[in-house]
Amino acid sequence: MNTNDRTMSQMMKEGCADLHDKAEHAKVPSRMVSGLMTKDEYCQMLQQDAIWNKALDTAILKRRADNPYLMALVDDIQFQGPYFDQDLAHFGIADDCQPTPGVVAMCKTIEDAASNDHLTLLGLHYVREGANNGNSYVAKKLRAAWGIEGDDGLRSMDPYGNNQRALWEKFKTILDAQEFSSEEKDHMVKAGRVMFERVMAIHEDLAAATA
């Protein structure tokens, strides 16, 4: 099956599968899934993730009106910054921390893409949206480990609640309906792989800080 025969979502899933598996089994995600992550560790992660998520929101919002793909795919509900603000407020922590090297690299990638590379913005956003599938499961694990109920403090992990699956399927359907060229599809996959690499670097920074 060549590039033109595969949907964009298929290519993203297949093209990033190795990095997806590697990211899932890294130290920070493993601690979350096993329920070993402390609230202090989680708050450190929140602060760092808030920085780059807000940067990606800003870049997409700035360029959305100029690009038909971003216009078709990115609804306001997908901007993650407000969810991080809710979580930070719940724990009473600020979002003005010093970014780790991994976050600096992520923000540089976003900044470069915002200038002239809308497809990379979409590729980064695709991985972020897809991560909500696994994150909603992780949020359940953390709720159980910490003995809490409800969404407070975990909205950034599980922003859509029971609507997660339906919204993800809708996102993929709209994505696959776009008339991407073969070159654009390859570009998107490359951007998705960069996103996984940047996220793993951020997790490595956090793991080192809490070792």
N, C-alpha and C. Protein backbone atom coordinates (compact mmCIF):
# COMPACT_ATOMS: atom_id res chain seq x y z
N MET A 1 0.85 -1.19 0.00
CA MET A 1 0.00 0.00 0.00
C MET A 1 0.89 1.24 0.00
N ASN A 2 0.73 2.12 -0.99
CA ASN A 2 1.58 3.30 -1.04
C ASN A 2 0.97 4.44 -0.23
N THR A 3 1.69 5.54 -0.21
CA THR A 3 1.28 6.67 0.62
C THR A 3 -0.12 7.15 0.28
N ASN A 4 -0.44 7.22 -1.02
CA ASN A 4 -1.73 7.74 -1.44
C ASN A 4 -2.88 6.83 -1.05
N ASP A 5 -2.62 5.55 -0.80
CA ASP A 5 -3.67 4.61 -0.46
C ASP A 5 -3.97 4.59 1.03
N ARG A 6 -3.10 5.13 1.83
CA ARG A 6 -3.28 5.11 3.28
C ARG A 6 -3.83 6.44 3.76
N THR A 7 -4.69 6.37 4.76
CA THR A 7 -5.21 7.61 5.32
C THR A 7 -4.14 8.29 6.14
N MET A 8 -4.37 9.57 6.40
CA MET A 8 -3.41 10.33 7.19
C MET A 8 -3.29 9.76 8.60
N SER A 9 -4.43 9.37 9.18
CA SER A 9 -4.37 8.82 10.54
C SER A 9 -3.63 7.49 10.57
N GLN A 10 -3.79 6.67 9.52
CA GLN A 10 -3.04 5.42 9.44
C GLN A 10 -1.55 5.69 9.38
N MET A 11 -1.16 6.65 8.55
CA MET A 11 0.25 6.96 8.40
C MET A 11 0.84 7.51 9.69
N MET A 12 0.08 8.33 10.39
CA MET A 12 0.57 8.86 11.66
C MET A 12 0.76 7.74 12.68
N LYS A 13 -0.21 6.85 12.77
CA LYS A 13 -0.13 5.76 13.73
C LYS A 13 1.04 4.83 13.42
N GLU A 14 1.16 4.44 12.15
CA GLU A 14 2.23 3.52 11.75
C GLU A 14 3.60 4.19 11.80
N GLY A 15 3.64 5.44 11.38
CA GLY A 15 4.92 6.14 11.29
C GLY A 15 5.50 6.53 12.63
N CYS A 16 4.67 6.57 13.66
CA CYS A 16 5.13 6.95 14.99
C CYS A 16 5.06 5.81 16.00
N ALA A 17 4.72 4.61 15.53
CA ALA A 17 4.46 3.49 16.44
C ALA A 17 5.65 3.16 17.34
N ASP A 18 6.85 3.17 16.79
CA ASP A 18 8.02 2.81 17.60
C ASP A 18 8.27 3.83 18.70
N LEU A 19 8.10 5.11 18.37
CA LEU A 19 8.31 6.15 19.37
C LEU A 19 7.17 6.18 20.39
N HIS A 20 5.97 5.88 19.94
CA HIS A 20 4.83 5.80 20.85
C HIS A 20 5.09 4.73 21.91
N ASP A 21 5.56 3.57 21.47
CA ASP A 21 5.83 2.47 22.40
C ASP A 21 6.96 2.85 23.36
N LYS A 22 7.99 3.48 22.83
CA LYS A 22 9.13 3.89 23.66
C LYS A 22 8.69 4.92 24.70
N ALA A 23 7.87 5.87 24.28
CA ALA A 23 7.40 6.91 25.19
C ALA A 23 6.55 6.33 26.31
N GLU A 24 5.69 5.39 25.97
CA GLU A 24 4.80 4.78 26.96
C GLU A 24 5.56 4.08 28.08
N HIS A 25 6.72 3.52 27.74
CA HIS A 25 7.45 2.71 28.71
C HIS A 25 8.59 3.46 29.39
N ALA A 26 8.66 4.77 29.16
CA ALA A 26 9.67 5.57 29.83
C ALA A 26 9.32 5.73 31.31
N LYS A 27 10.27 6.25 32.10
CA LYS A 27 10.12 6.27 33.55
C LYS A 27 8.92 7.09 34.02
N VAL A 28 8.75 8.30 33.51
CA VAL A 28 7.67 9.16 33.99
C VAL A 28 6.29 8.58 33.68
N PRO A 29 6.00 8.19 32.43
CA PRO A 29 4.70 7.57 32.18
C PRO A 29 4.48 6.29 32.98
N SER A 30 5.53 5.50 33.16
CA SER A 30 5.40 4.26 33.92
C SER A 30 5.04 4.54 35.38
N ARG A 31 5.61 5.59 35.95
CA ARG A 31 5.28 5.95 37.33
C ARG A 31 3.83 6.41 37.45
N MET A 32 3.34 7.09 36.42
CA MET A 32 1.95 7.51 36.44
C MET A 32 1.00 6.31 36.37
N VAL A 33 1.25 5.44 35.41
CA VAL A 33 0.36 4.29 35.21
C VAL A 33 0.37 3.36 36.41
N SER A 34 1.52 3.22 37.06
CA SER A 34 1.62 2.34 38.22
C SER A 34 1.09 2.98 39.50
N GLY A 35 0.75 4.27 39.43
CA GLY A 35 0.24 4.97 40.60
C GLY A 35 1.32 5.40 41.57
N LEU A 36 2.58 5.37 41.13
CA LEU A 36 3.69 5.74 42.00
C LEU A 36 4.02 7.23 41.97
N MET A 37 3.54 7.93 40.96
CA MET A 37 3.84 9.36 40.87
C MET A 37 3.19 10.11 42.03
N THR A 38 3.98 10.93 42.70
CA THR A 38 3.46 11.74 43.81
C THR A 38 2.80 13.00 43.26
N LYS A 39 2.03 13.65 44.11
CA LYS A 39 1.41 14.91 43.69
C LYS A 39 2.46 15.98 43.42
N ASP A 40 3.55 15.96 44.18
CA ASP A 40 4.63 16.93 43.95
C ASP A 40 5.25 16.74 42.57
N GLU A 41 5.50 15.49 42.20
CA GLU A 41 6.04 15.20 40.87
C GLU A 41 5.06 15.64 39.79
N TYR A 42 3.80 15.34 40.03
CA TYR A 42 2.76 15.70 39.07
C TYR A 42 2.70 17.22 38.88
N CYS A 43 2.81 17.96 39.96
CA CYS A 43 2.77 19.42 39.88
C CYS A 43 3.96 19.97 39.11
N GLN A 44 5.14 19.36 39.29
CA GLN A 44 6.30 19.78 38.51
C GLN A 44 6.06 19.54 37.02
N MET A 45 5.46 18.39 36.71
CA MET A 45 5.14 18.08 35.32
C MET A 45 4.11 19.06 34.76
N LEU A 46 3.10 19.37 35.57
CA LEU A 46 2.07 20.34 35.16
C LEU A 46 2.70 21.67 34.76
N GLN A 47 3.59 22.17 35.59
CA GLN A 47 4.21 23.46 35.32
C GLN A 47 4.97 23.47 34.00
N GLN A 48 5.72 22.40 33.75
CA GLN A 48 6.50 22.33 32.51
C GLN A 48 5.60 22.14 31.30
N ASP A 49 4.63 21.25 31.41
CA ASP A 49 3.75 20.98 30.28
C ASP A 49 2.86 22.17 29.94
N ALA A 50 2.52 22.96 30.96
CA ALA A 50 1.70 24.16 30.72
C ALA A 50 2.42 25.12 29.79
N ILE A 51 3.74 25.22 29.93
CA ILE A 51 4.51 26.17 29.13
C ILE A 51 4.38 25.86 27.65
N TRP A 52 4.69 24.62 27.28
CA TRP A 52 4.69 24.32 25.85
C TRP A 52 3.29 24.13 25.28
N ASN A 53 2.36 23.67 26.09
CA ASN A 53 0.99 23.56 25.59
C ASN A 53 0.40 24.92 25.27
N LYS A 54 0.68 25.90 26.10
CA LYS A 54 0.19 27.25 25.83
C LYS A 54 0.89 27.82 24.59
N ALA A 55 2.16 27.50 24.42
CA ALA A 55 2.89 27.97 23.24
C ALA A 55 2.29 27.38 21.97
N LEU A 56 1.93 26.10 22.02
CA LEU A 56 1.33 25.46 20.85
C LEU A 56 -0.06 26.03 20.58
N ASP A 57 -0.84 26.26 21.63
CA ASP A 57 -2.15 26.89 21.46
C ASP A 57 -2.01 28.24 20.76
N THR A 58 -1.09 29.05 21.25
CA THR A 58 -0.90 30.40 20.71
C THR A 58 -0.49 30.36 19.25
N ALA A 59 0.43 29.45 18.91
CA ALA A 59 0.91 29.34 17.53
C ALA A 59 -0.22 28.93 16.59
N ILE A 60 -1.01 27.94 17.02
CA ILE A 60 -2.11 27.47 16.17
C ILE A 60 -3.18 28.55 16.02
N LEU A 61 -3.53 29.21 17.11
CA LEU A 61 -4.54 30.25 17.06
C LEU A 61 -4.10 31.40 16.15
N LYS A 62 -2.83 31.70 16.18
CA LYS A 62 -2.29 32.79 15.36
C LYS A 62 -2.37 32.45 13.88
N ARG A 63 -2.20 31.17 13.54
CA ARG A 63 -2.11 30.76 12.13
C ARG A 63 -3.35 30.05 11.61
N ARG A 64 -4.30 29.75 12.49
CA ARG A 64 -5.44 28.93 12.09
C ARG A 64 -6.22 29.52 10.92
N ALA A 65 -6.48 30.81 10.96
CA ALA A 65 -7.30 31.44 9.91
C ALA A 65 -6.62 31.43 8.55
N ASP A 66 -5.30 31.25 8.54
CA ASP A 66 -4.55 31.26 7.28
C ASP A 66 -4.40 29.89 6.64
N ASN A 67 -4.82 28.84 7.34
CA ASN A 67 -4.56 27.49 6.84
C ASN A 67 -5.83 26.65 6.89
N PRO A 68 -6.27 26.10 5.77
CA PRO A 68 -7.52 25.33 5.74
C PRO A 68 -7.46 24.06 6.60
N TYR A 69 -6.31 23.45 6.71
CA TYR A 69 -6.20 22.24 7.53
C TYR A 69 -6.42 22.57 9.01
N LEU A 70 -5.76 23.61 9.47
CA LEU A 70 -5.94 24.01 10.88
C LEU A 70 -7.38 24.47 11.14
N MET A 71 -7.95 25.17 10.17
CA MET A 71 -9.34 25.63 10.32
C MET A 71 -10.30 24.46 10.42
N ALA A 72 -10.06 23.42 9.63
CA ALA A 72 -10.96 22.27 9.60
C ALA A 72 -10.84 21.41 10.84
N LEU A 73 -9.65 21.36 11.43
CA LEU A 73 -9.37 20.35 12.45
C LEU A 73 -9.30 20.86 13.88
N VAL A 74 -8.94 22.10 14.08
CA VAL A 74 -8.68 22.57 15.45
C VAL A 74 -9.83 23.44 15.94
N ASP A 75 -10.64 22.88 16.82
CA ASP A 75 -11.70 23.62 17.51
C ASP A 75 -11.13 24.25 18.78
N ASP A 76 -11.81 25.27 19.28
CA ASP A 76 -11.33 25.94 20.48
C ASP A 76 -11.25 25.00 21.68
N ILE A 77 -12.11 24.01 21.73
CA ILE A 77 -12.10 23.07 22.86
C ILE A 77 -10.78 22.31 22.94
N GLN A 78 -10.05 22.26 21.82
CA GLN A 78 -8.79 21.51 21.80
C GLN A 78 -7.61 22.30 22.33
N PHE A 79 -7.77 23.59 22.57
CA PHE A 79 -6.69 24.36 23.16
C PHE A 79 -6.53 23.92 24.62
N GLN A 80 -5.34 23.47 24.94
CA GLN A 80 -5.13 22.82 26.23
C GLN A 80 -4.74 23.76 27.37
N GLY A 81 -4.32 24.97 27.04
CA GLY A 81 -3.89 25.91 28.06
C GLY A 81 -4.90 26.12 29.18
N PRO A 82 -6.18 26.32 28.86
CA PRO A 82 -7.16 26.53 29.93
C PRO A 82 -7.27 25.35 30.90
N TYR A 83 -7.09 24.13 30.40
CA TYR A 83 -7.15 22.96 31.28
C TYR A 83 -5.97 22.95 32.24
N PHE A 84 -4.80 23.35 31.73
CA PHE A 84 -3.63 23.43 32.61
C PHE A 84 -3.82 24.52 33.65
N ASP A 85 -4.40 25.64 33.25
CA ASP A 85 -4.65 26.72 34.21
C ASP A 85 -5.56 26.25 35.34
N GLN A 86 -6.58 25.46 35.00
CA GLN A 86 -7.48 24.93 36.02
C GLN A 86 -6.74 24.02 36.99
N ASP A 87 -5.87 23.17 36.45
CA ASP A 87 -5.12 22.24 37.31
C ASP A 87 -4.12 22.98 38.18
N LEU A 88 -3.43 23.94 37.61
CA LEU A 88 -2.46 24.72 38.39
C LEU A 88 -3.17 25.47 39.52
N ALA A 89 -4.32 26.03 39.21
CA ALA A 89 -5.08 26.76 40.23
C ALA A 89 -5.55 25.82 41.33
N HIS A 90 -5.95 24.60 40.94
CA HIS A 90 -6.41 23.63 41.93
C HIS A 90 -5.32 23.31 42.95
N PHE A 91 -4.09 23.18 42.47
CA PHE A 91 -2.98 22.84 43.36
C PHE A 91 -2.31 24.08 43.95
N GLY A 92 -2.76 25.26 43.55
CA GLY A 92 -2.22 26.49 44.11
C GLY A 92 -0.79 26.76 43.70
N ILE A 93 -0.44 26.43 42.45
CA ILE A 93 0.93 26.66 41.98
C ILE A 93 0.92 27.58 40.76
N ALA A 94 2.04 28.29 40.58
CA ALA A 94 2.17 29.24 39.48
C ALA A 94 2.69 28.55 38.23
N ASP A 95 2.53 29.23 37.10
CA ASP A 95 3.01 28.67 35.84
C ASP A 95 4.24 29.42 35.33
N ASP A 96 4.95 30.08 36.25
CA ASP A 96 6.10 30.90 35.85
C ASP A 96 7.43 30.25 36.21
N CYS A 97 7.48 28.92 36.17
CA CYS A 97 8.71 28.22 36.52
C CYS A 97 9.73 28.31 35.38
N GLN A 98 10.96 27.97 35.70
CA GLN A 98 12.03 27.95 34.71
C GLN A 98 11.86 26.71 33.83
N PRO A 99 11.75 26.86 32.52
CA PRO A 99 11.57 25.69 31.66
C PRO A 99 12.81 24.81 31.63
N THR A 100 12.60 23.52 31.56
CA THR A 100 13.71 22.58 31.43
C THR A 100 14.25 22.63 30.00
N PRO A 101 15.43 22.08 29.76
CA PRO A 101 15.97 22.07 28.39
C PRO A 101 15.01 21.43 27.38
N GLY A 102 14.32 20.37 27.82
CA GLY A 102 13.37 19.73 26.91
C GLY A 102 12.22 20.64 26.52
N VAL A 103 11.73 21.42 27.47
CA VAL A 103 10.65 22.37 27.19
C VAL A 103 11.15 23.50 26.30
N VAL A 104 12.36 23.95 26.52
CA VAL A 104 12.95 24.99 25.67
C VAL A 104 13.03 24.49 24.22
N ALA A 105 13.46 23.25 24.04
CA ALA A 105 13.55 22.67 22.69
C ALA A 105 12.17 22.55 22.06
N MET A 106 11.18 22.13 22.85
CA MET A 106 9.83 22.01 22.34
C MET A 106 9.30 23.38 21.88
N CYS A 107 9.49 24.38 22.70
CA CYS A 107 9.00 25.72 22.36
C CYS A 107 9.71 26.27 21.12
N LYS A 108 10.98 25.93 20.97
CA LYS A 108 11.73 26.37 19.77
C LYS A 108 11.14 25.70 18.52
N THR A 109 10.81 24.43 18.62
CA THR A 109 10.19 23.73 17.50
C THR A 109 8.86 24.38 17.14
N ILE A 110 8.07 24.71 18.15
CA ILE A 110 6.77 25.35 17.92
C ILE A 110 6.96 26.73 17.30
N GLU A 111 7.91 27.49 17.83
CA GLU A 111 8.16 28.84 17.32
C GLU A 111 8.58 28.80 15.85
N ASP A 112 9.47 27.88 15.51
CA ASP A 112 9.92 27.76 14.12
C ASP A 112 8.76 27.39 13.20
N ALA A 113 7.91 26.47 13.65
CA ALA A 113 6.79 26.03 12.83
C ALA A 113 5.75 27.14 12.66
N ALA A 114 5.59 27.95 13.68
CA ALA A 114 4.59 29.02 13.62
C ALA A 114 4.93 30.05 12.55
N SER A 115 6.19 30.16 12.21
CA SER A 115 6.62 31.15 11.23
C SER A 115 6.19 30.79 9.81
N ASN A 116 6.37 29.51 9.46
CA ASN A 116 6.11 29.17 8.05
C ASN A 116 5.81 27.70 7.82
N ASP A 117 5.40 26.96 8.83
CA ASP A 117 5.25 25.51 8.67
C ASP A 117 3.98 25.03 9.38
N HIS A 118 2.83 25.31 8.78
CA HIS A 118 1.56 24.95 9.38
C HIS A 118 1.37 23.45 9.52
N LEU A 119 1.95 22.68 8.60
CA LEU A 119 1.82 21.23 8.68
C LEU A 119 2.51 20.66 9.92
N THR A 120 3.64 21.24 10.28
CA THR A 120 4.30 20.79 11.50
C THR A 120 3.44 21.12 12.72
N LEU A 121 2.82 22.29 12.74
CA LEU A 121 1.91 22.62 13.84
C LEU A 121 0.80 21.59 13.94
N LEU A 122 0.25 21.19 12.80
CA LEU A 122 -0.83 20.20 12.81
C LEU A 122 -0.31 18.84 13.26
N GLY A 123 0.89 18.47 12.83
CA GLY A 123 1.47 17.20 13.25
C GLY A 123 1.71 17.15 14.75
N LEU A 124 2.21 18.25 15.30
CA LEU A 124 2.41 18.33 16.75
C LEU A 124 1.08 18.23 17.48
N HIS A 125 0.09 18.92 16.95
CA HIS A 125 -1.22 18.93 17.59
C HIS A 125 -1.90 17.56 17.50
N TYR A 126 -1.70 16.87 16.39
CA TYR A 126 -2.27 15.53 16.24
C TYR A 126 -1.78 14.62 17.37
N VAL A 127 -0.50 14.63 17.62
CA VAL A 127 0.06 13.77 18.67
C VAL A 127 -0.48 14.20 20.03
N ARG A 128 -0.58 15.50 20.25
CA ARG A 128 -1.13 15.98 21.52
C ARG A 128 -2.57 15.52 21.71
N GLU A 129 -3.39 15.62 20.67
CA GLU A 129 -4.78 15.19 20.77
C GLU A 129 -4.86 13.67 20.99
N GLY A 130 -4.04 12.93 20.26
CA GLY A 130 -4.04 11.48 20.40
C GLY A 130 -3.61 11.03 21.77
N ALA A 131 -2.71 11.80 22.40
CA ALA A 131 -2.23 11.45 23.74
C ALA A 131 -3.35 11.46 24.77
N ASN A 132 -4.42 12.20 24.50
CA ASN A 132 -5.54 12.25 25.45
C ASN A 132 -6.20 10.89 25.62
N ASN A 133 -6.08 10.01 24.63
CA ASN A 133 -6.65 8.67 24.76
C ASN A 133 -5.98 7.92 25.91
N GLY A 134 -4.66 7.89 25.90
CA GLY A 134 -3.94 7.22 26.97
C GLY A 134 -3.98 7.99 28.27
N ASN A 135 -3.95 9.31 28.16
CA ASN A 135 -3.94 10.14 29.37
C ASN A 135 -5.21 10.01 30.18
N SER A 136 -6.34 9.78 29.51
CA SER A 136 -7.59 9.61 30.25
C SER A 136 -7.52 8.36 31.12
N TYR A 137 -6.83 7.33 30.62
CA TYR A 137 -6.63 6.10 31.40
C TYR A 137 -5.67 6.37 32.56
N VAL A 138 -4.61 7.12 32.28
CA VAL A 138 -3.64 7.45 33.32
C VAL A 138 -4.31 8.27 34.44
N ALA A 139 -5.20 9.17 34.05
CA ALA A 139 -5.89 9.99 35.04
C ALA A 139 -6.69 9.11 36.02
N LYS A 140 -7.30 8.06 35.50
CA LYS A 140 -8.04 7.13 36.37
C LYS A 140 -7.10 6.46 37.36
N LYS A 141 -5.91 6.09 36.89
CA LYS A 141 -4.92 5.46 37.75
C LYS A 141 -4.47 6.41 38.86
N LEU A 142 -4.26 7.67 38.51
CA LEU A 142 -3.82 8.64 39.51
C LEU A 142 -4.94 8.94 40.51
N ARG A 143 -6.17 9.03 40.04
CA ARG A 143 -7.30 9.24 40.95
C ARG A 143 -7.36 8.12 41.99
N ALA A 144 -7.19 6.90 41.50
CA ALA A 144 -7.25 5.74 42.40
C ALA A 144 -6.09 5.76 43.39
N ALA A 145 -4.89 6.08 42.89
CA ALA A 145 -3.70 6.08 43.75
C ALA A 145 -3.78 7.17 44.81
N TRP A 146 -4.35 8.31 44.45
CA TRP A 146 -4.42 9.43 45.38
C TRP A 146 -5.72 9.47 46.18
N GLY A 147 -6.64 8.56 45.85
CA GLY A 147 -7.90 8.51 46.57
C GLY A 147 -8.78 9.72 46.36
N ILE A 148 -8.84 10.21 45.12
CA ILE A 148 -9.65 11.39 44.83
C ILE A 148 -10.71 11.04 43.80
N GLU A 149 -11.73 11.86 43.72
CA GLU A 149 -12.79 11.71 42.73
C GLU A 149 -12.95 13.01 41.97
N GLY A 150 -13.55 12.92 40.80
CA GLY A 150 -13.81 14.12 40.03
C GLY A 150 -12.63 14.54 39.17
N ASP A 151 -12.81 15.68 38.48
CA ASP A 151 -11.82 16.14 37.51
C ASP A 151 -10.80 17.10 38.08
N ASP A 152 -11.03 17.64 39.27
CA ASP A 152 -10.17 18.69 39.80
C ASP A 152 -8.71 18.24 39.86
N GLY A 153 -7.85 19.04 39.23
CA GLY A 153 -6.43 18.75 39.23
C GLY A 153 -5.96 17.87 38.10
N LEU A 154 -6.90 17.26 37.36
CA LEU A 154 -6.54 16.32 36.30
C LEU A 154 -7.20 16.64 34.96
N ARG A 155 -7.69 17.86 34.82
CA ARG A 155 -8.34 18.22 33.57
C ARG A 155 -7.38 18.17 32.38
N SER A 156 -6.13 18.53 32.61
CA SER A 156 -5.17 18.51 31.51
C SER A 156 -4.84 17.10 31.06
N MET A 157 -5.06 16.11 31.93
CA MET A 157 -4.87 14.72 31.56
C MET A 157 -6.09 14.14 30.87
N ASP A 158 -7.25 14.63 31.26
CA ASP A 158 -8.51 14.06 30.79
C ASP A 158 -9.50 15.18 30.47
N PRO A 159 -9.17 16.01 29.45
CA PRO A 159 -9.98 17.22 29.21
C PRO A 159 -11.40 16.97 28.74
N TYR A 160 -11.63 15.84 28.06
CA TYR A 160 -12.94 15.63 27.44
C TYR A 160 -13.81 14.61 28.17
N GLY A 161 -13.28 13.98 29.20
CA GLY A 161 -14.07 13.04 29.98
C GLY A 161 -14.68 11.93 29.12
N ASN A 162 -15.97 11.72 29.29
CA ASN A 162 -16.66 10.64 28.57
C ASN A 162 -16.77 10.90 27.08
N ASN A 163 -16.47 12.10 26.64
CA ASN A 163 -16.54 12.44 25.21
C ASN A 163 -15.23 12.16 24.48
N GLN A 164 -14.22 11.65 25.20
CA GLN A 164 -12.90 11.47 24.61
C GLN A 164 -12.92 10.64 23.33
N ARG A 165 -13.48 9.46 23.40
CA ARG A 165 -13.46 8.56 22.24
C ARG A 165 -14.20 9.16 21.05
N ALA A 166 -15.37 9.71 21.28
CA ALA A 166 -16.16 10.28 20.20
C ALA A 166 -15.44 11.45 19.54
N LEU A 167 -14.83 12.30 20.35
CA LEU A 167 -14.12 13.46 19.80
C LEU A 167 -12.88 13.05 19.02
N TRP A 168 -12.20 12.01 19.50
CA TRP A 168 -11.01 11.52 18.77
C TRP A 168 -11.41 10.92 17.44
N GLU A 169 -12.47 10.15 17.40
CA GLU A 169 -12.92 9.57 16.14
C GLU A 169 -13.35 10.66 15.17
N LYS A 170 -14.01 11.69 15.68
CA LYS A 170 -14.41 12.82 14.83
C LYS A 170 -13.18 13.51 14.26
N PHE A 171 -12.18 13.71 15.11
CA PHE A 171 -10.94 14.36 14.67
C PHE A 171 -10.28 13.57 13.55
N LYS A 172 -10.18 12.27 13.72
CA LYS A 172 -9.55 11.43 12.70
C LYS A 172 -10.36 11.42 11.41
N THR A 173 -11.67 11.40 11.51
CA THR A 173 -12.52 11.40 10.32
C THR A 173 -12.30 12.67 9.50
N ILE A 174 -12.26 13.81 10.20
CA ILE A 174 -12.03 15.08 9.49
C ILE A 174 -10.62 15.11 8.91
N LEU A 175 -9.65 14.61 9.67
CA LEU A 175 -8.27 14.57 9.19
C LEU A 175 -8.17 13.75 7.91
N ASP A 176 -8.77 12.58 7.91
CA ASP A 176 -8.67 11.68 6.76
C ASP A 176 -9.44 12.20 5.55
N ALA A 177 -10.33 13.13 5.76
CA ALA A 177 -11.08 13.71 4.64
C ALA A 177 -10.31 14.82 3.93
N GLN A 178 -9.21 15.28 4.54
CA GLN A 178 -8.41 16.33 3.92
C GLN A 178 -7.63 15.78 2.72
N GLU A 179 -7.44 16.60 1.72
CA GLU A 179 -6.76 16.17 0.49
C GLU A 179 -5.26 16.49 0.59
N PHE A 180 -4.59 15.76 1.47
CA PHE A 180 -3.15 15.93 1.61
C PHE A 180 -2.42 15.31 0.42
N SER A 181 -1.36 15.94 -0.01
CA SER A 181 -0.49 15.33 -1.01
C SER A 181 0.41 14.31 -0.31
N SER A 182 1.08 13.49 -1.10
CA SER A 182 2.01 12.51 -0.53
C SER A 182 3.10 13.21 0.28
N GLU A 183 3.57 14.33 -0.24
CA GLU A 183 4.63 15.07 0.45
C GLU A 183 4.11 15.63 1.77
N GLU A 184 2.88 16.10 1.76
CA GLU A 184 2.31 16.65 3.00
C GLU A 184 2.11 15.55 4.04
N LYS A 185 1.70 14.39 3.60
CA LYS A 185 1.53 13.27 4.53
C LYS A 185 2.87 12.90 5.17
N ASP A 186 3.89 12.81 4.36
CA ASP A 186 5.22 12.48 4.89
C ASP A 186 5.70 13.56 5.87
N HIS A 187 5.40 14.79 5.55
CA HIS A 187 5.79 15.91 6.41
C HIS A 187 5.09 15.81 7.76
N MET A 188 3.82 15.46 7.75
CA MET A 188 3.05 15.32 8.98
C MET A 188 3.62 14.22 9.87
N VAL A 189 3.96 13.09 9.26
CA VAL A 189 4.53 11.98 10.03
C VAL A 189 5.85 12.41 10.66
N LYS A 190 6.66 13.11 9.90
CA LYS A 190 7.94 13.59 10.43
C LYS A 190 7.71 14.52 11.63
N ALA A 191 6.70 15.39 11.53
CA ALA A 191 6.39 16.29 12.63
C ALA A 191 5.90 15.52 13.86
N GLY A 192 5.11 14.47 13.61
CA GLY A 192 4.64 13.64 14.71
C GLY A 192 5.78 12.98 15.45
N ARG A 193 6.77 12.51 14.71
CA ARG A 193 7.92 11.88 15.33
C ARG A 193 8.73 12.89 16.16
N VAL A 194 8.83 14.11 15.65
CA VAL A 194 9.52 15.15 16.41
C VAL A 194 8.78 15.40 17.73
N MET A 195 7.46 15.41 17.67
CA MET A 195 6.67 15.65 18.88
C MET A 195 6.97 14.58 19.94
N PHE A 196 6.97 13.33 19.55
CA PHE A 196 7.28 12.26 20.50
C PHE A 196 8.67 12.45 21.09
N GLU A 197 9.63 12.79 20.26
CA GLU A 197 11.00 12.98 20.74
C GLU A 197 11.09 14.13 21.74
N ARG A 198 10.37 15.22 21.46
CA ARG A 198 10.39 16.37 22.37
C ARG A 198 9.73 16.02 23.71
N VAL A 199 8.62 15.32 23.66
CA VAL A 199 7.93 14.94 24.90
C VAL A 199 8.80 14.01 25.73
N MET A 200 9.44 13.06 25.09
CA MET A 200 10.31 12.14 25.82
C MET A 200 11.48 12.89 26.47
N ALA A 201 12.00 13.90 25.80
CA ALA A 201 13.09 14.69 26.38
C ALA A 201 12.61 15.44 27.61
N ILE A 202 11.38 15.95 27.56
CA ILE A 202 10.81 16.64 28.72
C ILE A 202 10.64 15.67 29.88
N HIS A 203 10.17 14.47 29.58
CA HIS A 203 10.02 13.45 30.63
C HIS A 203 11.37 13.05 31.23
N GLU A 204 12.39 13.01 30.39
CA GLU A 204 13.72 12.68 30.90
C GLU A 204 14.21 13.77 31.86
N ASP A 205 13.93 15.02 31.54
CA ASP A 205 14.28 16.12 32.44
C ASP A 205 13.59 15.95 33.79
N LEU A 206 12.30 15.62 33.75
CA LEU A 206 11.53 15.46 34.98
C LEU A 206 12.03 14.27 35.78
N ALA A 207 12.35 13.18 35.09
CA ALA A 207 12.85 11.99 35.77
C ALA A 207 14.17 12.28 36.48
N ALA A 208 15.03 13.05 35.81
CA ALA A 208 16.33 13.39 36.40
C ALA A 208 16.15 14.29 37.62
N ALA A 209 15.18 15.19 37.55
CA ALA A 209 14.95 16.14 38.65
C ALA A 209 14.39 15.47 39.89
N THR A 210 13.69 14.34 39.70
CA THR A 210 13.06 13.67 40.83
C THR A 210 13.74 12.37 41.21
N ALA A 211 14.90 12.11 40.60
CA ALA A 211 15.62 10.86 40.88
C ALA A 211 16.10 10.83 42.33
